[in-house]
């Protein structure tokens, strides 16, 4: 059974969180174009993000995390990261369930997220959790889709 997620509030070990994100996103190197936005992250940027968004983690030091941005009609999940040494333990599901709980508490009807076209394993995992693909888009300068957008409607019980 996975440890329950907890909200990470300042002051926190932002270096440890960045290290987790870097380990989790390392498998994308050379697979996605354009490169991941994680390259622009620093501990200071993450600390700033935590003042306007919710950051949820599992364990100390963190082995999994997700950032939640509250939007008018959904909670947007991003930087969902699980340390490769901790895959297949239910951490991503636990974080998504936490996001769903937060959305319901705020009266928001859905979760949304985006993932890169090349990351088919992510698409399958999100579909298995109840997300449906709702759109595709291209980063500036690209003439083909680079990103898939997913939505999980929140009706009834959490998955």
Foldseek 3Di string as FASTA:
>chain_A
DFAAKDWDAPPDDLVLVLVQLCQQCVVCVVQAPPDDPSVVDDSVVVNVLVVQWIKIAGDVVGQWIWIWHDDPAETEIPSGGGRPVPPPPCPSVSRVLVRLVVCVVVVHFKYKYKDFPRPVVVVVVVVVQAKDWDDFDPDPPDPDTGMTMIMHTDDDDHD
